[in-house]
Amino acid sequence: MCQRPIALLWPQARIHRSETDFFVNVDFVEHVALAAMVDEYGKSTIIGAGRYVVTQPGTAELAFATIDEYQGQGVEQRCCGISY
């Protein structure tokens, strides 16, 4: 388990530059960000997001979030299949 503290579990007045860099600068090797999208009424809509970060060789932290209307429909499992 990674010992890095999780900083975004509560509202913050400001996000620090280092946090912005971490969330924006992904390399798609050790730090991957995914978006789950569907076509709703002819418009692409983001319904979920996922991310994994390699913490050591062979180990990564993985997190997904899906909007309520799509919970329980396998969105996270599909993203996991894509991210491996």
N, C-alpha and C. Protein backbone atom coordinates (compact mmCIF):
# COMPACT_ATOMS: atom_id res chain seq x y z
N MET A 1 0.84 -1.18 0.00
CA MET A 1 0.00 0.00 0.00
C MET A 1 0.88 1.24 0.00
N CYS A 2 0.47 2.22 -0.76
CA CYS A 2 1.23 3.46 -0.84
C CYS A 2 1.05 4.26 0.44
N GLN A 3 2.11 4.85 0.92
CA GLN A 3 2.05 5.64 2.14
C GLN A 3 1.82 7.12 1.89
N ARG A 4 1.63 7.49 0.60
CA ARG A 4 1.39 8.89 0.25
C ARG A 4 0.02 9.31 0.80
N PRO A 5 -0.08 10.43 1.50
CA PRO A 5 -1.38 10.86 2.02
C PRO A 5 -2.31 11.26 0.88
N ILE A 6 -3.59 10.96 1.03
CA ILE A 6 -4.59 11.35 0.05
C ILE A 6 -5.10 12.73 0.44
N ALA A 7 -4.93 13.69 -0.47
CA ALA A 7 -5.20 15.08 -0.11
C ALA A 7 -6.55 15.58 -0.56
N LEU A 8 -7.25 14.86 -1.43
CA LEU A 8 -8.47 15.41 -1.98
C LEU A 8 -9.74 14.72 -1.48
N LEU A 9 -9.74 14.27 -0.25
CA LEU A 9 -10.93 13.65 0.32
C LEU A 9 -11.87 14.67 0.95
N TRP A 10 -11.47 15.91 0.99
CA TRP A 10 -12.29 16.96 1.56
C TRP A 10 -12.11 18.22 0.72
N PRO A 11 -13.06 19.14 0.79
CA PRO A 11 -12.94 20.37 -0.01
C PRO A 11 -11.70 21.16 0.38
N GLN A 12 -11.08 21.76 -0.62
CA GLN A 12 -9.91 22.60 -0.38
C GLN A 12 -10.17 23.97 -1.00
N ALA A 13 -9.69 25.00 -0.35
CA ALA A 13 -9.83 26.35 -0.90
C ALA A 13 -9.00 26.52 -2.16
N ARG A 14 -7.81 25.91 -2.16
CA ARG A 14 -6.92 25.99 -3.32
C ARG A 14 -6.27 24.64 -3.53
N ILE A 15 -5.93 24.36 -4.76
CA ILE A 15 -5.15 23.17 -5.06
C ILE A 15 -3.73 23.64 -5.37
N HIS A 16 -2.76 23.00 -4.79
CA HIS A 16 -1.37 23.40 -4.96
C HIS A 16 -0.85 23.00 -6.34
N ARG A 17 0.12 23.71 -6.83
CA ARG A 17 0.70 23.45 -8.15
C ARG A 17 1.17 22.00 -8.28
N SER A 18 1.80 21.46 -7.26
CA SER A 18 2.28 20.08 -7.33
C SER A 18 1.11 19.10 -7.48
N GLU A 19 -0.01 19.37 -6.84
CA GLU A 19 -1.19 18.52 -6.99
C GLU A 19 -1.76 18.63 -8.40
N THR A 20 -1.83 19.83 -8.92
CA THR A 20 -2.30 20.03 -10.30
C THR A 20 -1.41 19.27 -11.27
N ASP A 21 -0.10 19.40 -11.12
CA ASP A 21 0.84 18.69 -11.99
C ASP A 21 0.62 17.18 -11.92
N PHE A 22 0.42 16.66 -10.71
CA PHE A 22 0.22 15.23 -10.54
C PHE A 22 -1.02 14.74 -11.29
N PHE A 23 -2.12 15.47 -11.18
CA PHE A 23 -3.37 15.02 -11.80
C PHE A 23 -3.42 15.27 -13.31
N VAL A 24 -2.69 16.24 -13.79
CA VAL A 24 -2.74 16.60 -15.21
C VAL A 24 -1.69 15.89 -16.04
N ASN A 25 -0.51 15.70 -15.51
CA ASN A 25 0.61 15.14 -16.27
C ASN A 25 0.68 13.63 -16.10
N VAL A 26 -0.01 12.90 -16.97
CA VAL A 26 0.03 11.44 -16.95
C VAL A 26 0.93 10.96 -18.07
N ASP A 27 1.62 9.84 -17.85
CA ASP A 27 2.54 9.33 -18.87
C ASP A 27 2.00 8.09 -19.59
N PHE A 28 0.85 7.58 -19.16
CA PHE A 28 0.21 6.40 -19.75
C PHE A 28 1.09 5.16 -19.69
N VAL A 29 2.05 5.15 -18.78
CA VAL A 29 2.85 3.97 -18.49
C VAL A 29 2.74 3.67 -17.00
N GLU A 30 3.19 4.62 -16.17
CA GLU A 30 3.11 4.46 -14.72
C GLU A 30 1.99 5.29 -14.10
N HIS A 31 1.40 6.17 -14.88
CA HIS A 31 0.31 7.02 -14.39
C HIS A 31 -0.68 7.15 -15.54
N VAL A 32 -1.82 6.50 -15.39
CA VAL A 32 -2.81 6.43 -16.46
C VAL A 32 -4.13 7.01 -15.99
N ALA A 33 -4.75 7.82 -16.83
CA ALA A 33 -6.08 8.38 -16.55
C ALA A 33 -7.02 7.95 -17.66
N LEU A 34 -8.23 7.52 -17.28
CA LEU A 34 -9.23 7.06 -18.24
C LEU A 34 -10.53 7.82 -18.03
N ALA A 35 -11.30 7.95 -19.10
CA ALA A 35 -12.64 8.51 -19.01
C ALA A 35 -13.61 7.50 -19.62
N ALA A 36 -14.70 7.23 -18.94
CA ALA A 36 -15.76 6.37 -19.46
C ALA A 36 -16.81 7.28 -20.08
N MET A 37 -17.12 7.01 -21.33
CA MET A 37 -18.06 7.88 -22.05
C MET A 37 -19.17 7.05 -22.68
N VAL A 38 -20.33 7.66 -22.82
CA VAL A 38 -21.46 7.07 -23.54
C VAL A 38 -22.02 8.11 -24.49
N ASP A 39 -22.76 7.62 -25.46
CA ASP A 39 -23.45 8.51 -26.39
C ASP A 39 -24.87 8.70 -25.86
N GLU A 40 -25.18 9.91 -25.43
CA GLU A 40 -26.52 10.23 -24.95
C GLU A 40 -27.13 11.29 -25.85
N TYR A 41 -28.19 10.91 -26.54
CA TYR A 41 -28.90 11.85 -27.41
C TYR A 41 -27.97 12.47 -28.44
N GLY A 42 -27.06 11.66 -28.99
CA GLY A 42 -26.16 12.14 -30.02
C GLY A 42 -24.98 12.96 -29.52
N LYS A 43 -24.78 12.97 -28.22
CA LYS A 43 -23.69 13.76 -27.63
C LYS A 43 -22.87 12.86 -26.71
N SER A 44 -21.53 12.89 -26.86
CA SER A 44 -20.66 12.13 -25.96
C SER A 44 -20.69 12.75 -24.57
N THR A 45 -20.89 11.89 -23.57
CA THR A 45 -20.99 12.35 -22.19
C THR A 45 -20.07 11.51 -21.31
N ILE A 46 -19.27 12.16 -20.49
CA ILE A 46 -18.42 11.45 -19.54
C ILE A 46 -19.29 10.98 -18.38
N ILE A 47 -19.25 9.67 -18.12
CA ILE A 47 -20.05 9.10 -17.03
C ILE A 47 -19.18 8.57 -15.90
N GLY A 48 -17.88 8.54 -16.12
CA GLY A 48 -16.99 8.05 -15.08
C GLY A 48 -15.55 8.36 -15.41
N ALA A 49 -14.72 8.18 -14.43
CA ALA A 49 -13.28 8.42 -14.61
C ALA A 49 -12.52 7.43 -13.76
N GLY A 50 -11.33 7.10 -14.24
CA GLY A 50 -10.48 6.17 -13.51
C GLY A 50 -9.03 6.58 -13.64
N ARG A 51 -8.25 6.05 -12.76
CA ARG A 51 -6.83 6.38 -12.75
C ARG A 51 -6.08 5.26 -12.05
N TYR A 52 -4.88 4.96 -12.57
CA TYR A 52 -3.99 4.12 -11.78
C TYR A 52 -2.60 4.70 -11.80
N VAL A 53 -1.91 4.48 -10.68
CA VAL A 53 -0.56 4.99 -10.49
C VAL A 53 0.28 3.84 -9.98
N VAL A 54 1.36 3.52 -10.70
CA VAL A 54 2.28 2.48 -10.27
C VAL A 54 3.03 2.99 -9.04
N THR A 55 2.99 2.20 -7.96
CA THR A 55 3.66 2.60 -6.72
C THR A 55 5.00 1.90 -6.56
N GLN A 56 5.13 0.73 -7.17
CA GLN A 56 6.38 -0.03 -7.23
C GLN A 56 6.19 -1.04 -8.34
N PRO A 57 7.25 -1.64 -8.84
CA PRO A 57 7.10 -2.59 -9.95
C PRO A 57 6.08 -3.68 -9.63
N GLY A 58 5.10 -3.84 -10.50
CA GLY A 58 4.08 -4.86 -10.33
C GLY A 58 2.94 -4.48 -9.41
N THR A 59 2.93 -3.26 -8.87
CA THR A 59 1.90 -2.81 -7.95
C THR A 59 1.42 -1.41 -8.33
N ALA A 60 0.10 -1.22 -8.28
CA ALA A 60 -0.45 0.09 -8.60
C ALA A 60 -1.66 0.36 -7.72
N GLU A 61 -1.92 1.64 -7.50
CA GLU A 61 -3.15 2.06 -6.84
C GLU A 61 -4.15 2.35 -7.94
N LEU A 62 -5.39 1.93 -7.74
CA LEU A 62 -6.42 2.02 -8.75
C LEU A 62 -7.66 2.67 -8.15
N ALA A 63 -8.26 3.59 -8.88
CA ALA A 63 -9.48 4.24 -8.39
C ALA A 63 -10.39 4.58 -9.56
N PHE A 64 -11.69 4.38 -9.36
CA PHE A 64 -12.69 4.73 -10.35
C PHE A 64 -13.87 5.42 -9.68
N ALA A 65 -14.52 6.28 -10.42
CA ALA A 65 -15.75 6.91 -9.96
C ALA A 65 -16.72 6.93 -11.14
N THR A 66 -17.98 6.63 -10.86
CA THR A 66 -19.01 6.61 -11.89
C THR A 66 -20.22 7.38 -11.38
N ILE A 67 -20.87 8.14 -12.26
CA ILE A 67 -22.05 8.88 -11.82
C ILE A 67 -23.16 7.89 -11.44
N ASP A 68 -24.06 8.34 -10.58
CA ASP A 68 -25.07 7.47 -9.98
C ASP A 68 -25.89 6.68 -11.01
N GLU A 69 -26.29 7.31 -12.10
CA GLU A 69 -27.17 6.64 -13.06
C GLU A 69 -26.52 5.42 -13.70
N TYR A 70 -25.20 5.32 -13.67
CA TYR A 70 -24.49 4.21 -14.29
C TYR A 70 -23.86 3.25 -13.28
N GLN A 71 -24.13 3.45 -12.00
CA GLN A 71 -23.62 2.54 -10.98
C GLN A 71 -24.20 1.14 -11.19
N GLY A 72 -23.40 0.12 -10.95
CA GLY A 72 -23.87 -1.25 -11.04
C GLY A 72 -24.03 -1.79 -12.45
N GLN A 73 -23.53 -1.07 -13.44
CA GLN A 73 -23.67 -1.50 -14.83
C GLN A 73 -22.35 -1.97 -15.44
N GLY A 74 -21.33 -2.16 -14.61
CA GLY A 74 -20.08 -2.71 -15.10
C GLY A 74 -19.11 -1.71 -15.71
N VAL A 75 -19.32 -0.43 -15.48
CA VAL A 75 -18.44 0.59 -16.06
C VAL A 75 -17.01 0.41 -15.55
N GLU A 76 -16.85 0.23 -14.24
CA GLU A 76 -15.50 0.09 -13.68
C GLU A 76 -14.82 -1.18 -14.19
N GLN A 77 -15.56 -2.28 -14.30
CA GLN A 77 -14.96 -3.51 -14.78
C GLN A 77 -14.48 -3.36 -16.22
N ARG A 78 -15.24 -2.67 -17.03
CA ARG A 78 -14.81 -2.43 -18.41
C ARG A 78 -13.55 -1.57 -18.45
N CYS A 79 -13.48 -0.57 -17.60
CA CYS A 79 -12.27 0.27 -17.55
C CYS A 79 -11.07 -0.55 -17.09
N CYS A 80 -11.26 -1.42 -16.11
CA CYS A 80 -10.17 -2.27 -15.65
C CYS A 80 -9.68 -3.17 -16.77
N GLY A 81 -10.57 -3.70 -17.56
CA GLY A 81 -10.17 -4.54 -18.68
C GLY A 81 -9.34 -3.78 -19.69
N ILE A 82 -9.65 -2.51 -19.88
CA ILE A 82 -8.90 -1.69 -20.83
C ILE A 82 -7.55 -1.30 -20.26
N SER A 83 -7.48 -1.06 -18.94
CA SER A 83 -6.27 -0.51 -18.35
C SER A 83 -5.18 -1.54 -18.10
N TYR A 84 -5.46 -2.82 -18.21
CA TYR A 84 -4.43 -3.82 -17.94
C TYR A 84 -3.57 -4.05 -19.14
